[in-house]
C-alpha cells in the first residue's frame, strides 16, 4: 500500500532551523512531483515549495525563497525540506504530497491537490521565543 510518512518539525526559536522528512513506501518518489504545503490555524493550505517532474521546475513561495530548500535521497526514498532562518510567520502544520508529474511546479503550489496524490500526515512547526 502506497503511503507517505513525515517526520521532523517541532518548536524552534526565530532564526533557527528545522528539517522535515517525507518518506514514501509502496512507490518511488523519484517519479513524482513533490509539493510542500502548510496550513496555519484558520487558513487554507498554501504552497511553500514545489518541484515538478514534468518540466524540472522549482517554485518557491516568495516569503520562503532563500530560506527553504528541498533535497531528495532516492536511496532512502525520502525528500527533505530544509528550513533556515525561521520566522514566527512560518508557524503551521506542514504537509508533503507526491503526485504524478501532471503540473508545473507553480501550478502545483498554486492550489493544494487535496484529492490527488499521496499526502503525508502533517507535522507541526512552531517558531516562537
Foldseek 3Di string as FASTA:
>chain_A
DKAKAKDKADEAAAQAKIKMKIAIPPDALVQWKKWKWWDAPPGDIATAWIAAPQVRDIDGDPVQPPFWDKDDDRVRSMIMIIGGRDDQVPWTWMKMFTAGRPDHRCVCRHDPPPPGGHMYPTDTHGYHD
